Amino acid sequence: MMHHKVKNIFTPKKREQMIQMANEPGAFMDNSYGISFYKHPLQLDDLEIDGLWQVQMLKQTVEESGIHKDRNRTNEFDNIYMPRTTVVSWPIQGEGITQFYDDNKNLVETVNYDKYLQDGAILNTGGYFHNVKVTKGPRIVFQLCFDVPFDSVVEYYEKDLKNAWI
């Protein structure tokens, strides 16, 4: 599978904290495919969203990112390991869709999740080519990032996070 829809697990207060942090001057750094990473992910620890994941925020200002598969990486500023095999993504600002592609980069699936529906999605970002189209920007998403297979994250969410409020 390429995605699994999830509900919002954040309180209004926590979402407001995320938005405030995301809109601080210089909070994001650019990369090569049009989506900026939160520059210092350790600062996101102030949100007290601790668990088996690394937290990250992404900001997209271009209309469409390049088609890519995510790779685990190390943050250039804090030298923090950032897993990207599977992510749970919740939009906190703006609107957009994630599109998945086969190995020949033919569109096979579109995922719509947004802040108005108060939902998110578990995305198989390391297993499939994908891109993000912004329909109202900038689009900022908050993510829990995992270095485990998609099915394991879905199982973990259904068992441990589905009914949580953070």
Protein backbone atom coordinates (compact mmCIF):
# COMPACT_ATOMS: atom_id res chain seq x y z
CA MET A 1 0.00 0.00 0.00
CA MET A 2 0.98 3.58 -0.59
CA HIS A 3 -1.04 5.34 2.10
CA HIS A 4 -3.35 4.86 5.06
CA LYS A 5 -5.64 7.70 6.22
CA VAL A 6 -5.44 8.72 9.88
CA LYS A 7 -7.27 11.14 12.13
CA ASN A 8 -5.79 14.19 13.78
CA ILE A 9 -4.22 13.35 17.14
CA PHE A 10 -3.18 16.87 18.13
CA THR A 11 -5.02 19.18 20.49
CA PRO A 12 -5.86 22.68 19.19
CA LYS A 13 -3.20 24.08 21.55
CA LYS A 14 -0.53 21.74 20.13
CA ARG A 15 -1.49 22.63 16.53
CA GLU A 16 -1.22 26.33 17.38
CA GLN A 17 2.28 25.73 18.82
CA MET A 18 3.26 23.99 15.56
CA ILE A 19 1.96 26.86 13.44
CA GLN A 20 3.78 29.40 15.59
CA MET A 21 7.09 27.50 15.31
CA ALA A 22 6.63 27.00 11.56
CA ASN A 23 6.12 30.70 10.94
CA GLU A 24 9.23 31.88 12.81
CA PRO A 25 11.70 33.68 10.50
CA GLY A 26 14.37 31.32 9.12
CA ALA A 27 12.65 28.19 10.45
CA PHE A 28 13.09 26.21 7.20
CA MET A 29 15.95 25.35 4.83
CA ASP A 30 15.55 24.74 1.11
CA ASN A 31 16.38 21.52 -0.70
CA SER A 32 16.58 20.40 -4.30
CA TYR A 33 12.98 19.36 -4.93
CA GLY A 34 10.93 22.29 -3.65
CA ILE A 35 10.10 21.23 -0.11
CA SER A 36 11.93 22.93 2.76
CA PHE A 37 12.82 21.04 5.93
CA TYR A 38 12.49 22.52 9.41
CA LYS A 39 16.05 23.67 10.07
CA HIS A 40 16.50 22.50 13.67
CA PRO A 41 14.29 19.46 14.38
CA LEU A 42 15.56 19.26 17.98
CA GLN A 43 13.59 22.46 18.65
CA LEU A 44 10.46 20.46 17.83
CA ASP A 45 11.17 18.47 21.01
CA ASP A 46 9.65 21.48 22.80
CA LEU A 47 6.29 20.18 21.51
CA GLU A 48 6.76 17.14 23.79
CA ILE A 49 5.67 14.67 21.11
CA ASP A 50 8.02 11.87 22.09
CA GLY A 51 7.91 8.32 20.81
CA LEU A 52 9.45 5.78 18.44
CA TRP A 53 9.86 8.41 15.73
CA GLN A 54 11.71 11.55 14.77
CA VAL A 55 9.56 14.65 14.33
CA GLN A 56 9.82 16.98 11.34
CA MET A 57 7.98 19.84 9.68
CA LEU A 58 8.06 20.48 5.95
CA LYS A 59 7.11 23.63 4.10
CA GLN A 60 6.27 23.71 0.41
CA THR A 61 5.95 26.99 -1.45
CA VAL A 62 6.33 25.72 -5.03
CA GLU A 63 3.18 24.49 -6.75
CA GLU A 64 4.53 20.99 -7.36
CA SER A 65 7.53 19.15 -5.93
CA GLY A 66 9.68 16.90 -8.05
CA ILE A 67 8.82 13.20 -8.24
CA HIS A 68 11.06 11.36 -5.80
CA LYS A 69 11.47 8.54 -3.27
CA ASP A 70 12.48 9.70 0.18
CA ARG A 71 15.81 8.60 1.61
CA ASN A 72 16.87 8.54 5.22
CA ARG A 73 19.16 11.49 5.78
CA THR A 74 21.07 13.48 8.35
CA ASN A 75 20.02 17.05 9.09
CA GLU A 76 22.70 19.45 7.86
CA PHE A 77 22.40 21.85 10.81
CA ASP A 78 22.00 19.63 13.87
CA ASN A 79 23.44 16.36 12.48
CA ILE A 80 20.22 14.59 13.52
CA TYR A 81 19.34 11.33 11.77
CA MET A 82 16.03 11.82 9.94
CA PRO A 83 14.34 8.59 8.89
CA ARG A 84 12.10 8.93 5.80
CA THR A 85 11.09 5.31 5.07
CA THR A 86 7.52 5.90 6.29
CA VAL A 87 5.96 9.10 7.59
CA VAL A 88 2.71 10.02 9.29
CA SER A 89 1.84 13.43 7.92
CA TRP A 90 -0.67 16.03 9.14
CA PRO A 91 -1.17 19.37 7.37
CA ILE A 92 -1.15 22.35 9.69
CA GLN A 93 -1.28 25.13 7.10
CA GLY A 94 -2.21 25.38 3.42
CA GLU A 95 -3.73 22.73 1.17
CA GLY A 96 -2.45 20.09 -1.24
CA ILE A 97 -2.39 16.47 -2.37
CA THR A 98 0.24 13.71 -2.44
CA GLN A 99 0.47 11.71 -5.66
CA PHE A 100 2.08 8.27 -5.92
CA TYR A 101 3.70 6.82 -9.03
CA ASP A 102 4.87 3.39 -10.19
CA ASP A 103 8.53 2.71 -11.02
CA ASN A 104 7.99 4.15 -14.52
CA LYS A 105 6.63 7.32 -12.89
CA ASN A 106 3.07 6.78 -14.08
CA LEU A 107 0.48 8.26 -11.70
CA VAL A 108 -1.30 5.46 -9.80
CA GLU A 109 -2.84 7.06 -6.70
CA THR A 110 -3.74 10.45 -5.23
CA VAL A 111 -4.10 11.13 -1.51
CA ASN A 112 -6.09 14.11 -0.29
CA TYR A 113 -5.78 14.93 3.39
CA ASP A 114 -6.15 18.37 4.89
CA LYS A 115 -6.33 20.52 7.98
CA TYR A 116 -10.03 21.23 7.48
CA LEU A 117 -10.98 17.56 7.69
CA GLN A 118 -8.57 17.29 10.62
CA ASP A 119 -7.00 14.22 9.09
CA GLY A 120 -3.63 13.01 7.91
CA ALA A 121 -2.06 10.01 6.23
CA ILE A 122 0.62 7.41 6.74
CA LEU A 123 2.70 7.66 3.57
CA ASN A 124 5.00 5.01 2.12
CA THR A 125 7.49 7.70 1.10
CA GLY A 126 10.54 5.44 0.91
CA GLY A 127 8.85 2.67 -1.04
CA TYR A 128 7.18 4.61 -3.83
CA PHE A 129 7.85 7.58 -6.04
CA HIS A 130 5.65 10.49 -5.05
CA ASN A 131 5.26 14.24 -5.22
CA VAL A 132 3.14 16.91 -3.58
CA LYS A 133 0.95 19.45 -5.34
CA VAL A 134 0.02 22.55 -3.37
CA THR A 135 -3.43 23.93 -4.10
CA LYS A 136 -3.25 26.70 -1.48
CA GLY A 137 0.12 27.61 -0.13
CA PRO A 138 2.36 27.67 1.52
CA ARG A 139 1.63 24.17 2.73
CA ILE A 140 3.20 23.10 6.01
CA VAL A 141 2.93 19.56 7.32
CA PHE A 142 3.98 18.05 10.63
CA GLN A 143 5.39 14.53 10.38
CA LEU A 144 6.32 11.61 12.57
CA CYS A 145 9.18 9.95 10.65
CA PHE A 146 10.01 6.24 10.90
CA ASP A 147 12.80 3.98 9.67
CA VAL A 148 10.52 0.92 9.55
CA PRO A 149 8.27 -0.53 6.84
CA PHE A 150 4.92 1.04 6.05
CA ASP A 151 2.86 -1.93 7.35
CA SER A 152 4.62 -1.75 10.74
CA VAL A 153 3.78 1.95 11.08
CA VAL A 154 0.13 1.32 10.16
CA GLU A 155 -0.04 -1.45 12.77
CA TYR A 156 1.60 0.79 15.38
CA TYR A 157 -0.78 3.68 14.61
CA GLU A 158 -3.88 1.46 14.82
CA LYS A 159 -2.74 -0.07 18.11
CA ASP A 160 -1.11 2.85 19.94
CA LEU A 161 -1.86 6.24 18.32
CA LYS A 162 -5.34 6.03 16.84
CA ASN A 163 -7.08 7.07 20.04
CA ALA A 164 -4.32 9.24 21.46
CA TRP A 165 -4.47 13.01 21.98
CA ILE A 166 -1.16 14.79 22.09
